[in-house]
Amino acid sequence: MTKHKSSDEKKTPSTKLVAEKNEMAMIAGILEGSPDGIGVAVVRLECGCKKMAAVDKEGEPASKVIIYRDNALNICDQCKADNGPFERVIESFLHWVEPFPSLEQQQKIEEKVFGTYPRA
């Protein structure tokens, strides 16, 4: 998967990953239905499916988890069977909404949403 630099990277120094153009419509829709959402957790799976959910200022869910696959009518059979477990995650990050929380708050929320693990 190719990662493109964007202006969002400059605005969100706590993450290196940013939402791809094809993810932005889904993120906008999730946030529209989540008035308490200050960001959207994005989880990319090795199969190509993606899981997303809005989070509030405490790092609690502010929407249901949405699982989808770009340019497909359905998610893959593997995700239908196992709902995309942690073992198949290849990338995860939070897409923040302006005004961005402080870096300290971003880190606290990221740890609550994704857990802690060694980072390279």
PDB file of N, CA and C in Angstrom:
ATOM      1  N   MET A   1       0.852  -1.167   0.000  1.00  0.00           N
ATOM      2  CA  MET A   1       0.000   0.000   0.000  1.00  0.00           C
ATOM      3  C   MET A   1       0.897   1.229   0.000  1.00  0.00           C
ATOM      4  N   THR A   2       0.684   2.122  -0.896  1.00  0.00           N
ATOM      5  CA  THR A   2       1.478   3.333  -1.004  1.00  0.00           C
ATOM      6  C   THR A   2       0.907   4.390  -0.086  1.00  0.00           C
ATOM      7  N   LYS A   3       1.781   5.070   0.622  1.00  0.00           N
ATOM      8  CA  LYS A   3       1.352   6.160   1.480  1.00  0.00           C
ATOM      9  C   LYS A   3       1.774   7.463   0.845  1.00  0.00           C
ATOM     10  N   HIS A   4       0.832   8.377   0.726  1.00  0.00           N
ATOM     11  CA  HIS A   4       1.106   9.677   0.151  1.00  0.00           C
ATOM     12  C   HIS A   4       1.154  10.711   1.256  1.00  0.00           C
ATOM     13  N   LYS A   5       2.106  11.625   1.182  1.00  0.00           N
ATOM     14  CA  LYS A   5       2.152  12.711   2.146  1.00  0.00           C
ATOM     15  C   LYS A   5       1.058  13.696   1.794  1.00  0.00           C
ATOM     16  N   SER A   6       0.449  14.258   2.819  1.00  0.00           N
ATOM     17  CA  SER A   6      -0.579  15.262   2.601  1.00  0.00           C
ATOM     18  C   SER A   6      -0.457  16.334   3.659  1.00  0.00           C
ATOM     19  N   SER A   7      -1.231  17.383   3.488  1.00  0.00           N
ATOM     20  CA  SER A   7      -1.201  18.459   4.472  1.00  0.00           C
ATOM     21  C   SER A   7      -1.721  17.982   5.818  1.00  0.00           C
ATOM     22  N   ASP A   8      -2.544  16.908   5.852  1.00  0.00           N
ATOM     23  CA  ASP A   8      -3.049  16.376   7.112  1.00  0.00           C
ATOM     24  C   ASP A   8      -1.912  15.887   7.997  1.00  0.00           C
ATOM     25  N   GLU A   9      -0.839  15.356   7.393  1.00  0.00           N
ATOM     26  CA  GLU A   9       0.274  14.874   8.183  1.00  0.00           C
ATOM     27  C   GLU A   9       0.901  16.007   8.977  1.00  0.00           C
ATOM     28  N   LYS A  10       0.977  17.188   8.407  1.00  0.00           N
ATOM     29  CA  LYS A  10       1.560  18.324   9.096  1.00  0.00           C
ATOM     30  C   LYS A  10       0.685  18.746  10.258  1.00  0.00           C
ATOM     31  N   LYS A  11      -0.623  18.590  10.125  1.00  0.00           N
ATOM     32  CA  LYS A  11      -1.563  19.021  11.149  1.00  0.00           C
ATOM     33  C   LYS A  11      -1.679  18.011  12.291  1.00  0.00           C
ATOM     34  N   THR A  12      -1.375  16.759  12.034  1.00  0.00           N
ATOM     35  CA  THR A  12      -1.541  15.722  13.043  1.00  0.00           C
ATOM     36  C   THR A  12      -0.205  15.044  13.317  1.00  0.00           C
ATOM     37  N   PRO A  13       0.663  15.694  14.091  1.00  0.00           N
ATOM     38  CA  PRO A  13       1.996  15.153  14.302  1.00  0.00           C
ATOM     39  C   PRO A  13       2.026  13.852  15.098  1.00  0.00           C
ATOM     40  N   SER A  14       0.926  13.470  15.767  1.00  0.00           N
ATOM     41  CA  SER A  14       0.955  12.250  16.559  1.00  0.00           C
ATOM     42  C   SER A  14       0.820  10.998  15.697  1.00  0.00           C
ATOM     43  N   THR A  15       0.492  11.155  14.412  1.00  0.00           N
ATOM     44  CA  THR A  15       0.375   9.986  13.546  1.00  0.00           C
ATOM     45  C   THR A  15       1.153  10.212  12.266  1.00  0.00           C
ATOM     46  N   LYS A  16       1.593   9.124  11.681  1.00  0.00           N
ATOM     47  CA  LYS A  16       2.260   9.201  10.385  1.00  0.00           C
ATOM     48  C   LYS A  16       1.313   8.773   9.282  1.00  0.00           C
ATOM     49  N   LEU A  17       0.305   8.000   9.628  1.00  0.00           N
ATOM     50  CA  LEU A  17      -0.660   7.533   8.646  1.00  0.00           C
ATOM     51  C   LEU A  17      -1.794   8.537   8.533  1.00  0.00           C
ATOM     52  N   VAL A  18      -2.287   8.721   7.342  1.00  0.00           N
ATOM     53  CA  VAL A  18      -3.425   9.612   7.119  1.00  0.00           C
ATOM     54  C   VAL A  18      -4.458   8.888   6.276  1.00  0.00           C
ATOM     55  N   ALA A  19      -5.677   9.382   6.353  1.00  0.00           N
ATOM     56  CA  ALA A  19      -6.752   8.782   5.573  1.00  0.00           C
ATOM     57  C   ALA A  19      -6.488   8.980   4.090  1.00  0.00           C
ATOM     58  N   GLU A  20      -6.769   7.939   3.338  1.00  0.00           N
ATOM     59  CA  GLU A  20      -6.654   8.010   1.886  1.00  0.00           C
ATOM     60  C   GLU A  20      -7.906   8.670   1.329  1.00  0.00           C
ATOM     61  N   LYS A  21      -7.802   9.158   0.128  1.00  0.00           N
ATOM     62  CA  LYS A  21      -8.914   9.868  -0.498  1.00  0.00           C
ATOM     63  C   LYS A  21     -10.192   9.034  -0.486  1.00  0.00           C
ATOM     64  N   ASN A  22     -10.076   7.744  -0.761  1.00  0.00           N
ATOM     65  CA  ASN A  22     -11.252   6.884  -0.815  1.00  0.00           C
ATOM     66  C   ASN A  22     -11.844   6.605   0.568  1.00  0.00           C
ATOM     67  N   GLU A  23     -11.139   6.913   1.638  1.00  0.00           N
ATOM     68  CA  GLU A  23     -11.651   6.726   2.996  1.00  0.00           C
ATOM     69  C   GLU A  23     -12.353   7.981   3.517  1.00  0.00           C
ATOM     70  N   MET A  24     -12.059   9.120   2.919  1.00  0.00           N
ATOM     71  CA  MET A  24     -12.561  10.384   3.442  1.00  0.00           C
ATOM     72  C   MET A  24     -14.093  10.486   3.419  1.00  0.00           C
ATOM     73  N   ALA A  25     -14.748   9.964   2.407  1.00  0.00           N
ATOM     74  CA  ALA A  25     -16.213  10.020   2.351  1.00  0.00           C
ATOM     75  C   ALA A  25     -16.819   9.208   3.493  1.00  0.00           C
ATOM     76  N   MET A  26     -16.259   8.058   3.771  1.00  0.00           N
ATOM     77  CA  MET A  26     -16.752   7.228   4.868  1.00  0.00           C
ATOM     78  C   MET A  26     -16.523   7.936   6.208  1.00  0.00           C
ATOM     79  N   ILE A  27     -15.351   8.539   6.370  1.00  0.00           N
ATOM     80  CA  ILE A  27     -15.047   9.270   7.604  1.00  0.00           C
ATOM     81  C   ILE A  27     -16.032  10.422   7.787  1.00  0.00           C
ATOM     82  N   ALA A  28     -16.288  11.168   6.720  1.00  0.00           N
ATOM     83  CA  ALA A  28     -17.230  12.291   6.791  1.00  0.00           C
ATOM     84  C   ALA A  28     -18.619  11.813   7.191  1.00  0.00           C
ATOM     85  N   GLY A  29     -19.059  10.706   6.615  1.00  0.00           N
ATOM     86  CA  GLY A  29     -20.369  10.162   6.949  1.00  0.00           C
ATOM     87  C   GLY A  29     -20.463   9.711   8.393  1.00  0.00           C
ATOM     88  N   ILE A  30     -19.406   9.078   8.879  1.00  0.00           N
ATOM     89  CA  ILE A  30     -19.386   8.628  10.275  1.00  0.00           C
ATOM     90  C   ILE A  30     -19.450   9.832  11.207  1.00  0.00           C
ATOM     91  N   LEU A  31     -18.657  10.858  10.920  1.00  0.00           N
ATOM     92  CA  LEU A  31     -18.645  12.048  11.769  1.00  0.00           C
ATOM     93  C   LEU A  31     -19.967  12.802  11.719  1.00  0.00           C
ATOM     94  N   GLU A  32     -20.611  12.816  10.548  1.00  0.00           N
ATOM     95  CA  GLU A  32     -21.899  13.496  10.417  1.00  0.00           C
ATOM     96  C   GLU A  32     -22.941  12.879  11.347  1.00  0.00           C
ATOM     97  N   GLY A  33     -22.880  11.575  11.515  1.00  0.00           N
ATOM     98  CA  GLY A  33     -23.821  10.890  12.384  1.00  0.00           C
ATOM     99  C   GLY A  33     -23.341  10.750  13.818  1.00  0.00           C
ATOM    100  N   SER A  34     -22.232  11.387  14.154  1.00  0.00           N
ATOM    101  CA  SER A  34     -21.643  11.262  15.488  1.00  0.00           C
ATOM    102  C   SER A  34     -21.278  12.646  16.025  1.00  0.00           C
ATOM    103  N   PRO A  35     -22.254  13.388  16.544  1.00  0.00           N
ATOM    104  CA  PRO A  35     -21.981  14.760  16.983  1.00  0.00           C
ATOM    105  C   PRO A  35     -20.921  14.873  18.074  1.00  0.00           C
ATOM    106  N   ASP A  36     -20.716  13.829  18.859  1.00  0.00           N
ATOM    107  CA  ASP A  36     -19.698  13.859  19.911  1.00  0.00           C
ATOM    108  C   ASP A  36     -18.327  13.417  19.411  1.00  0.00           C
ATOM    109  N   GLY A  37     -18.234  12.993  18.160  1.00  0.00           N
ATOM    110  CA  GLY A  37     -16.979  12.490  17.622  1.00  0.00           C
ATOM    111  C   GLY A  37     -15.949  13.589  17.423  1.00  0.00           C
ATOM    112  N   ILE A  38     -14.728  13.322  17.900  1.00  0.00           N
ATOM    113  CA  ILE A  38     -13.612  14.255  17.674  1.00  0.00           C
ATOM    114  C   ILE A  38     -12.580  13.632  16.740  1.00  0.00           C
ATOM    115  N   GLY A  39     -12.855  12.409  16.341  1.00  0.00           N
ATOM    116  CA  GLY A  39     -11.974  11.710  15.422  1.00  0.00           C
ATOM    117  C   GLY A  39     -12.583  10.383  15.034  1.00  0.00           C
ATOM    118  N   VAL A  40     -11.958   9.748  14.050  1.00  0.00           N
ATOM    119  CA  VAL A  40     -12.414   8.439  13.591  1.00  0.00           C
ATOM    120  C   VAL A  40     -11.231   7.483  13.619  1.00  0.00           C
ATOM    121  N   ALA A  41     -11.409   6.364  14.307  1.00  0.00           N
ATOM    122  CA  ALA A  41     -10.399   5.309  14.312  1.00  0.00           C
ATOM    123  C   ALA A  41     -10.510   4.565  12.987  1.00  0.00           C
ATOM    124  N   VAL A  42      -9.374   4.406  12.307  1.00  0.00           N
ATOM    125  CA  VAL A  42      -9.318   3.715  11.024  1.00  0.00           C
ATOM    126  C   VAL A  42      -8.405   2.507  11.187  1.00  0.00           C
ATOM    127  N   VAL A  43      -8.916   1.344  10.871  1.00  0.00           N
ATOM    128  CA  VAL A  43      -8.154   0.102  10.970  1.00  0.00           C
ATOM    129  C   VAL A  43      -8.170  -0.555   9.600  1.00  0.00           C
ATOM    130  N   ARG A  44      -6.992  -0.743   9.038  1.00  0.00           N
ATOM    131  CA  ARG A  44      -6.859  -1.399   7.736  1.00  0.00           C
ATOM    132  C   ARG A  44      -6.416  -2.843   7.962  1.00  0.00           C
ATOM    133  N   LEU A  45      -7.133  -3.757   7.329  1.00  0.00           N
ATOM    134  CA  LEU A  45      -6.852  -5.185   7.491  1.00  0.00           C
ATOM    135  C   LEU A  45      -6.084  -5.721   6.294  1.00  0.00           C
ATOM    136  N   GLU A  46      -5.367  -6.806   6.492  1.00  0.00           N
ATOM    137  CA  GLU A  46      -4.539  -7.380   5.433  1.00  0.00           C
ATOM    138  C   GLU A  46      -5.345  -7.822   4.218  1.00  0.00           C
ATOM    139  N   CYS A  47      -6.627  -8.094   4.403  1.00  0.00           N
ATOM    140  CA  CYS A  47      -7.488  -8.548   3.307  1.00  0.00           C
ATOM    141  C   CYS A  47      -7.983  -7.390   2.439  1.00  0.00           C
ATOM    142  N   GLY A  48      -7.777  -6.162   2.899  1.00  0.00           N
ATOM    143  CA  GLY A  48      -8.249  -5.005   2.161  1.00  0.00           C
ATOM    144  C   GLY A  48      -9.506  -4.385   2.747  1.00  0.00           C
ATOM    145  N   CYS A  49     -10.138  -5.061   3.683  1.00  0.00           N
ATOM    146  CA  CYS A  49     -11.300  -4.482   4.359  1.00  0.00           C
ATOM    147  C   CYS A  49     -10.816  -3.445   5.366  1.00  0.00           C
ATOM    148  N   LYS A  50     -11.737  -2.571   5.762  1.00  0.00           N
ATOM    149  CA  LYS A  50     -11.400  -1.504   6.708  1.00  0.00           C
ATOM    150  C   LYS A  50     -12.487  -1.414   7.754  1.00  0.00           C
ATOM    151  N   LYS A  51     -12.061  -1.127   8.989  1.00  0.00           N
ATOM    152  CA  LYS A  51     -13.001  -0.908  10.077  1.00  0.00           C
ATOM    153  C   LYS A  51     -12.828   0.528  10.538  1.00  0.00           C
ATOM    154  N   MET A  52     -13.951   1.214  10.819  1.00  0.00           N
ATOM    155  CA  MET A  52     -13.906   2.595  11.268  1.00  0.00           C
ATOM    156  C   MET A  52     -14.982   2.821  12.315  1.00  0.00           C
ATOM    157  N   ALA A  53     -14.684   3.738  13.242  1.00  0.00           N
ATOM    158  CA  ALA A  53     -15.669   4.171  14.234  1.00  0.00           C
ATOM    159  C   ALA A  53     -15.242   5.520  14.787  1.00  0.00           C
ATOM    160  N   ALA A  54     -16.221   6.369  15.069  1.00  0.00           N
ATOM    161  CA  ALA A  54     -15.935   7.660  15.688  1.00  0.00           C
ATOM    162  C   ALA A  54     -15.611   7.442  17.163  1.00  0.00           C
ATOM    163  N   VAL A  55     -14.771   8.334  17.697  1.00  0.00           N
ATOM    164  CA  VAL A  55     -14.442   8.322  19.122  1.00  0.00           C
ATOM    165  C   VAL A  55     -14.720   9.704  19.702  1.00  0.00           C
ATOM    166  N   ASP A  56     -15.075   9.733  20.989  1.00  0.00           N
ATOM    167  CA  ASP A  56     -15.331  11.011  21.640  1.00  0.00           C
ATOM    168  C   ASP A  56     -14.083  11.499  22.374  1.00  0.00           C
ATOM    169  N   LYS A  57     -14.195  12.606  23.082  1.00  0.00           N
ATOM    170  CA  LYS A  57     -13.038  13.234  23.724  1.00  0.00           C
ATOM    171  C   LYS A  57     -12.435  12.396  24.847  1.00  0.00           C
ATOM    172  N   GLU A  58     -13.153  11.364  25.289  1.00  0.00           N
ATOM    173  CA  GLU A  58     -12.641  10.460  26.320  1.00  0.00           C
ATOM    174  C   GLU A  58     -12.072   9.174  25.722  1.00  0.00           C
ATOM    175  N   GLY A  59     -12.175   9.043  24.396  1.00  0.00           N
ATOM    176  CA  GLY A  59     -11.705   7.829  23.736  1.00  0.00           C
ATOM    177  C   GLY A  59     -12.737   6.717  23.720  1.00  0.00           C
ATOM    178  N   GLU A  60     -13.972   7.070  24.049  1.00  0.00           N
ATOM    179  CA  GLU A  60     -15.074   6.103  24.029  1.00  0.00           C
ATOM    180  C   GLU A  60     -15.708   6.097  22.639  1.00  0.00           C
ATOM    181  N   PRO A  61     -16.355   5.005  22.261  1.00  0.00           N
ATOM    182  CA  PRO A  61     -17.017   4.961  20.956  1.00  0.00           C
ATOM    183  C   PRO A  61     -18.101   6.035  20.847  1.00  0.00           C
ATOM    184  N   ALA A  62     -18.136   6.715  19.717  1.00  0.00           N
ATOM    185  CA  ALA A  62     -19.161   7.720  19.459  1.00  0.00           C
ATOM    186  C   ALA A  62     -20.014   7.299  18.257  1.00  0.00           C
ATOM    187  N   SER A  63     -19.792   6.088  17.771  1.00  0.00           N
ATOM    188  CA  SER A  63     -20.582   5.524  16.672  1.00  0.00           C
ATOM    189  C   SER A  63     -20.430   4.019  16.713  1.00  0.00           C
ATOM    190  N   LYS A  64     -21.202   3.356  15.889  1.00  0.00           N
ATOM    191  CA  LYS A  64     -21.019   1.917  15.702  1.00  0.00           C
ATOM    192  C   LYS A  64     -19.778   1.697  14.857  1.00  0.00           C
ATOM    193  N   VAL A  65     -19.202   0.512  14.946  1.00  0.00           N
ATOM    194  CA  VAL A  65     -18.073   0.149  14.095  1.00  0.00           C
ATOM    195  C   VAL A  65     -18.616  -0.200  12.715  1.00  0.00           C
ATOM    196  N   ILE A  66     -18.023   0.418  11.708  1.00  0.00           N
ATOM    197  CA  ILE A  66     -18.394   0.164  10.314  1.00  0.00           C
ATOM    198  C   ILE A  66     -17.263  -0.649   9.697  1.00  0.00           C
ATOM    199  N   ILE A  67     -17.600  -1.732   9.017  1.00  0.00           N
ATOM    200  CA  ILE A  67     -16.591  -2.499   8.295  1.00  0.00           C
ATOM    201  C   ILE A  67     -17.000  -2.521   6.826  1.00  0.00           C
ATOM    202  N   TYR A  68     -16.064  -2.199   5.962  1.00  0.00           N
ATOM    203  CA  TYR A  68     -16.361  -2.128   4.539  1.00  0.00           C
ATOM    204  C   TYR A  68     -15.113  -2.428   3.728  1.00  0.00           C
ATOM    205  N   ARG A  69     -15.304  -2.554   2.441  1.00  0.00           N
ATOM    206  CA  ARG A  69     -14.214  -2.800   1.503  1.00  0.00           C
ATOM    207  C   ARG A  69     -14.398  -1.845   0.328  1.00  0.00           C
ATOM    208  N   ASP A  70     -13.356  -1.102  -0.015  1.00  0.00           N
ATOM    209  CA  ASP A  70     -13.428  -0.144  -1.121  1.00  0.00           C
ATOM    210  C   ASP A  70     -13.867  -0.828  -2.405  1.00  0.00           C
ATOM    211  N   ASN A  71     -14.744  -0.167  -3.141  1.00  0.00           N
ATOM    212  CA  ASN A  71     -15.204  -0.629  -4.456  1.00  0.00           C
ATOM    213  C   ASN A  71     -15.776  -2.044  -4.435  1.00  0.00           C
ATOM    214  N   ALA A  72     -16.405  -2.423  -3.334  1.00  0.00           N
ATOM    215  CA  ALA A  72     -16.999  -3.763  -3.244  1.00  0.00           C
ATOM    216  C   ALA A  72     -18.383  -3.651  -2.613  1.00  0.00           C
ATOM    217  N   LEU A  73     -19.256  -4.550  -2.987  1.00  0.00           N
ATOM    218  CA  LEU A  73     -20.594  -4.559  -2.411  1.00  0.00           C
ATOM    219  C   LEU A  73     -20.594  -5.140  -1.004  1.00  0.00           C
ATOM    220  N   ASN A  74     -19.662  -6.050  -0.727  1.00  0.00           N
ATOM    221  CA  ASN A  74     -19.619  -6.722   0.569  1.00  0.00           C
ATOM    222  C   ASN A  74     -18.192  -6.795   1.082  1.00  0.00           C
ATOM    223  N   ILE A  75     -18.069  -7.037   2.374  1.00  0.00           N
ATOM    224  CA  ILE A  75     -16.754  -7.304   2.934  1.00  0.00           C
ATOM    225  C   ILE A  75     -16.339  -8.714   2.537  1.00  0.00           C
ATOM    226  N   CYS A  76     -15.075  -9.048   2.746  1.00  0.00           N
ATOM    227  CA  CYS A  76     -14.583 -10.367   2.332  1.00  0.00           C
ATOM    228  C   CYS A  76     -15.168 -11.478   3.213  1.00  0.00           C
ATOM    229  N   ASP A  77     -15.096 -12.697   2.714  1.00  0.00           N
ATOM    230  CA  ASP A  77     -15.636 -13.850   3.446  1.00  0.00           C
ATOM    231  C   ASP A  77     -14.931 -14.044   4.786  1.00  0.00           C
ATOM    232  N   GLN A  78     -13.628 -13.765   4.826  1.00  0.00           N
ATOM    233  CA  GLN A  78     -12.887 -13.940   6.072  1.00  0.00           C
ATOM    234  C   GLN A  78     -13.408 -12.972   7.136  1.00  0.00           C
ATOM    235  N   CYS A  79     -13.644 -11.705   6.758  1.00  0.00           N
ATOM    236  CA  CYS A  79     -14.171 -10.727   7.715  1.00  0.00           C
ATOM    237  C   CYS A  79     -15.602 -11.070   8.131  1.00  0.00           C
ATOM    238  N   LYS A  80     -16.380 -11.636   7.191  1.00  0.00           N
ATOM    239  CA  LYS A  80     -17.728 -12.074   7.555  1.00  0.00           C
ATOM    240  C   LYS A  80     -17.659 -13.141   8.639  1.00  0.00           C
ATOM    241  N   ALA A  81     -16.634 -13.981   8.568  1.00  0.00           N
ATOM    242  CA  ALA A  81     -16.504 -15.078   9.526  1.00  0.00           C
ATOM    243  C   ALA A  81     -15.902 -14.633  10.859  1.00  0.00           C
ATOM    244  N   ASP A  82     -14.881 -13.735  10.810  1.00  0.00           N
ATOM    245  CA  ASP A  82     -14.188 -13.412  12.067  1.00  0.00           C
ATOM    246  C   ASP A  82     -14.234 -11.939  12.479  1.00  0.00           C
ATOM    247  N   ASN A  83     -14.908 -11.090  11.703  1.00  0.00           N
ATOM    248  CA  ASN A  83     -15.084  -9.673  12.009  1.00  0.00           C
ATOM    249  C   ASN A  83     -13.765  -8.893  12.081  1.00  0.00           C
ATOM    250  N   GLY A  84     -12.750  -9.349  11.386  1.00  0.00           N
ATOM    251  CA  GLY A  84     -11.486  -8.617  11.291  1.00  0.00           C
ATOM    252  C   GLY A  84     -10.735  -8.475  12.600  1.00  0.00           C
ATOM    253  N   PRO A  85     -10.192  -9.560  13.149  1.00  0.00           N
ATOM    254  CA  PRO A  85      -9.509  -9.501  14.437  1.00  0.00           C
ATOM    255  C   PRO A  85      -8.164  -8.759  14.377  1.00  0.00           C
ATOM    256  N   PHE A  86      -7.666  -8.424  15.549  1.00  0.00           N
ATOM    257  CA  PHE A  86      -6.412  -7.692  15.703  1.00  0.00           C
ATOM    258  C   PHE A  86      -5.254  -8.340  14.953  1.00  0.00           C
ATOM    259  N   GLU A  87      -5.228  -9.647  14.914  1.00  0.00           N
ATOM    260  CA  GLU A  87      -4.128 -10.369  14.274  1.00  0.00           C
ATOM    261  C   GLU A  87      -3.992 -10.045  12.793  1.00  0.00           C
ATOM    262  N   ARG A  88      -5.060  -9.562  12.165  1.00  0.00           N
ATOM    263  CA  ARG A  88      -5.027  -9.268  10.729  1.00  0.00           C
ATOM    264  C   ARG A  88      -4.907  -7.776  10.426  1.00  0.00           C
ATOM    265  N   VAL A  89      -4.703  -6.953  11.462  1.00  0.00           N
ATOM    266  CA  VAL A  89      -4.550  -5.510  11.271  1.00  0.00           C
ATOM    267  C   VAL A  89      -3.156  -5.228  10.720  1.00  0.00           C
ATOM    268  N   ILE A  90      -3.111  -4.406   9.655  1.00  0.00           N
ATOM    269  CA  ILE A  90      -1.805  -4.012   9.120  1.00  0.00           C
ATOM    270  C   ILE A  90      -1.495  -2.548   9.434  1.00  0.00           C
ATOM    271  N   GLU A  91      -2.514  -1.719   9.593  1.00  0.00           N
ATOM    272  CA  GLU A  91      -2.320  -0.311   9.932  1.00  0.00           C
ATOM    273  C   GLU A  91      -3.526   0.180  10.721  1.00  0.00           C
ATOM    274  N   SER A  92      -3.272   1.086  11.651  1.00  0.00           N
ATOM    275  CA  SER A  92      -4.365   1.714  12.385  1.00  0.00           C
ATOM    276  C   SER A  92      -3.934   3.112  12.811  1.00  0.00           C
ATOM    277  N   PHE A  93      -4.887   4.028  12.815  1.00  0.00           N
ATOM    278  CA  PHE A  93      -4.607   5.397  13.222  1.00  0.00           C
ATOM    279  C   PHE A  93      -5.921   6.109  13.487  1.00  0.00           C
ATOM    280  N   LEU A  94      -5.823   7.285  14.083  1.00  0.00           N
ATOM    281  CA  LEU A  94      -6.981   8.133  14.299  1.00  0.00           C
ATOM    282  C   LEU A  94      -6.927   9.313  13.351  1.00  0.00           C
ATOM    283  N   HIS A  95      -8.035   9.571  12.687  1.00  0.00           N
ATOM    284  CA  HIS A  95      -8.186  10.751  11.840  1.00  0.00           C
ATOM    285  C   HIS A  95      -8.888  11.788  12.714  1.00  0.00           C
ATOM    286  N   TRP A  96      -8.182  12.865  13.057  1.00  0.00           N
ATOM    287  CA  TRP A  96      -8.702  13.876  13.985  1.00  0.00           C
ATOM    288  C   TRP A  96      -9.486  14.958  13.269  1.00  0.00           C
ATOM    289  N   VAL A  97     -10.436  15.537  13.988  1.00  0.00           N
ATOM    290  CA  VAL A  97     -11.246  16.642  13.508  1.00  0.00           C
ATOM    291  C   VAL A  97     -10.719  17.924  14.158  1.00  0.00           C
ATOM    292  N   GLU A  98     -10.683  19.005  13.369  1.00  0.00           N
ATOM    293  CA  GLU A  98     -10.268  20.291  13.932  1.00  0.00           C
ATOM    294  C   GLU A  98     -11.369  20.845  14.815  1.00  0.00           C
ATOM    295  N   PRO A  99     -11.065  21.524  15.899  1.00  0.00           N
ATOM    296  CA  PRO A  99      -9.726  21.752  16.426  1.00  0.00           C
ATOM    297  C   PRO A  99      -9.180  20.466  17.056  1.00  0.00           C
ATOM    298  N   PHE A 100      -7.924  20.164  16.755  1.00  0.00           N
ATOM    299  CA  PHE A 100      -7.304  18.935  17.222  1.00  0.00           C
ATOM    300  C   PHE A 100      -7.099  18.967  18.730  1.00  0.00           C
ATOM    301  N   PRO A 101      -7.264  17.808  19.376  1.00  0.00           N
ATOM    302  CA  PRO A 101      -6.915  17.732  20.798  1.00  0.00           C
ATOM    303  C   PRO A 101      -5.408  17.943  20.954  1.00  0.00           C
ATOM    304  N   SER A 102      -4.991  18.232  22.161  1.00  0.00           N
ATOM    305  CA  SER A 102      -3.559  18.373  22.421  1.00  0.00           C
ATOM    306  C   SER A 102      -2.859  17.061  22.103  1.00  0.00           C
ATOM    307  N   LEU A 103      -1.564  17.135  21.873  1.00  0.00           N
ATOM    308  CA  LEU A 103      -0.803  15.914  21.580  1.00  0.00           C
ATOM    309  C   LEU A 103      -0.922  14.916  22.724  1.00  0.00           C
ATOM    310  N   GLU A 104      -0.934  15.410  23.943  1.00  0.00           N
ATOM    311  CA  GLU A 104      -1.075  14.532  25.112  1.00  0.00           C
ATOM    312  C   GLU A 104      -2.430  13.823  25.088  1.00  0.00           C
ATOM    313  N   GLN A 105      -3.495  14.562  24.788  1.00  0.00           N
ATOM    314  CA  GLN A 105      -4.831  13.975  24.709  1.00  0.00           C
ATOM    315  C   GLN A 105      -4.919  12.999  23.537  1.00  0.00           C
ATOM    316  N   GLN A 106      -4.306  13.341  22.400  1.00  0.00           N
ATOM    317  CA  GLN A 106      -4.306  12.431  21.254  1.00  0.00           C
ATOM    318  C   GLN A 106      -3.667  11.102  21.640  1.00  0.00           C
ATOM    319  N   GLN A 107      -2.522  11.166  22.309  1.00  0.00           N
ATOM    320  CA  GLN A 107      -1.822   9.945  22.700  1.00  0.00           C
ATOM    321  C   GLN A 107      -2.665   9.125  23.669  1.00  0.00           C
ATOM    322  N   LYS A 108      -3.291   9.791  24.631  1.00  0.00           N
ATOM    323  CA  LYS A 108      -4.130   9.102  25.613  1.00  0.00           C
ATOM    324  C   LYS A 108      -5.286   8.375  24.922  1.00  0.00           C
ATOM    325  N   ILE A 109      -5.930   9.064  23.976  1.00  0.00           N
ATOM    326  CA  ILE A 109      -7.057   8.463  23.256  1.00  0.00           C
ATOM    327  C   ILE A 109      -6.579   7.315  22.371  1.00  0.00           C
ATOM    328  N   GLU A 110      -5.474   7.513  21.652  1.00  0.00           N
ATOM    329  CA  GLU A 110      -4.936   6.451  20.796  1.00  0.00           C
ATOM    330  C   GLU A 110      -4.631   5.199  21.604  1.00  0.00           C
ATOM    331  N   GLU A 111      -4.035   5.366  22.782  1.00  0.00           N
ATOM    332  CA  GLU A 111      -3.725   4.205  23.627  1.00  0.00           C
ATOM    333  C   GLU A 111      -4.995   3.522  24.112  1.00  0.00           C
ATOM    334  N   LYS A 112      -6.017   4.297  24.417  1.00  0.00           N
ATOM    335  CA  LYS A 112      -7.279   3.709  24.869  1.00  0.00           C
ATOM    336  C   LYS A 112      -7.971   2.954  23.732  1.00  0.00           C
ATOM    337  N   VAL A 113      -7.945   3.530  22.538  1.00  0.00           N
ATOM    338  CA  VAL A 113      -8.630   2.921  21.392  1.00  0.00           C
ATOM    339  C   VAL A 113      -7.883   1.700  20.862  1.00  0.00           C
ATOM    340  N   PHE A 114      -6.572   1.839  20.662  1.00  0.00           N
ATOM    341  CA  PHE A 114      -5.796   0.780  20.022  1.00  0.00           C
ATOM    342  C   PHE A 114      -4.984  -0.071  20.981  1.00  0.00           C
ATOM    343  N   GLY A 115      -4.863   0.353  22.213  1.00  0.00           N
ATOM    344  CA  GLY A 115      -4.028  -0.352  23.168  1.00  0.00           C
ATOM    345  C   GLY A 115      -2.576   0.106  23.002  1.00  0.00           C
ATOM    346  N   THR A 116      -1.725  -0.431  23.822  1.00  0.00           N
ATOM    347  CA  THR A 116      -0.307  -0.090  23.720  1.00  0.00           C
ATOM    348  C   THR A 116       0.450  -1.299  23.209  1.00  0.00           C
ATOM    349  N   TYR A 117       1.466  -1.021  22.430  1.00  0.00           N
ATOM    350  CA  TYR A 117       2.304  -2.067  21.864  1.00  0.00           C
ATOM    351  C   TYR A 117       3.603  -1.422  21.439  1.00  0.00           C
ATOM    352  N   PRO A 118       4.667  -2.195  21.305  1.00  0.00           N
ATOM    353  CA  PRO A 118       5.943  -1.610  20.889  1.00  0.00           C
ATOM    354  C   PRO A 118       5.821  -0.989  19.507  1.00  0.00           C
ATOM    355  N   ARG A 119       6.382   0.191  19.340  1.00  0.00           N
ATOM    356  CA  ARG A 119       6.369   0.868  18.049  1.00  0.00           C
ATOM    357  C   ARG A 119       7.787   0.997  17.551  1.00  0.00           C
ATOM    358  N   ALA A 120       7.952   0.833  16.243  1.00  0.00           N
ATOM    359  CA  ALA A 120       9.284   0.909  15.640  1.00  0.00           C
ATOM    360  C   ALA A 120       9.752   2.333  15.547  1.00  0.00           C
TER     361      ALA A 120
END
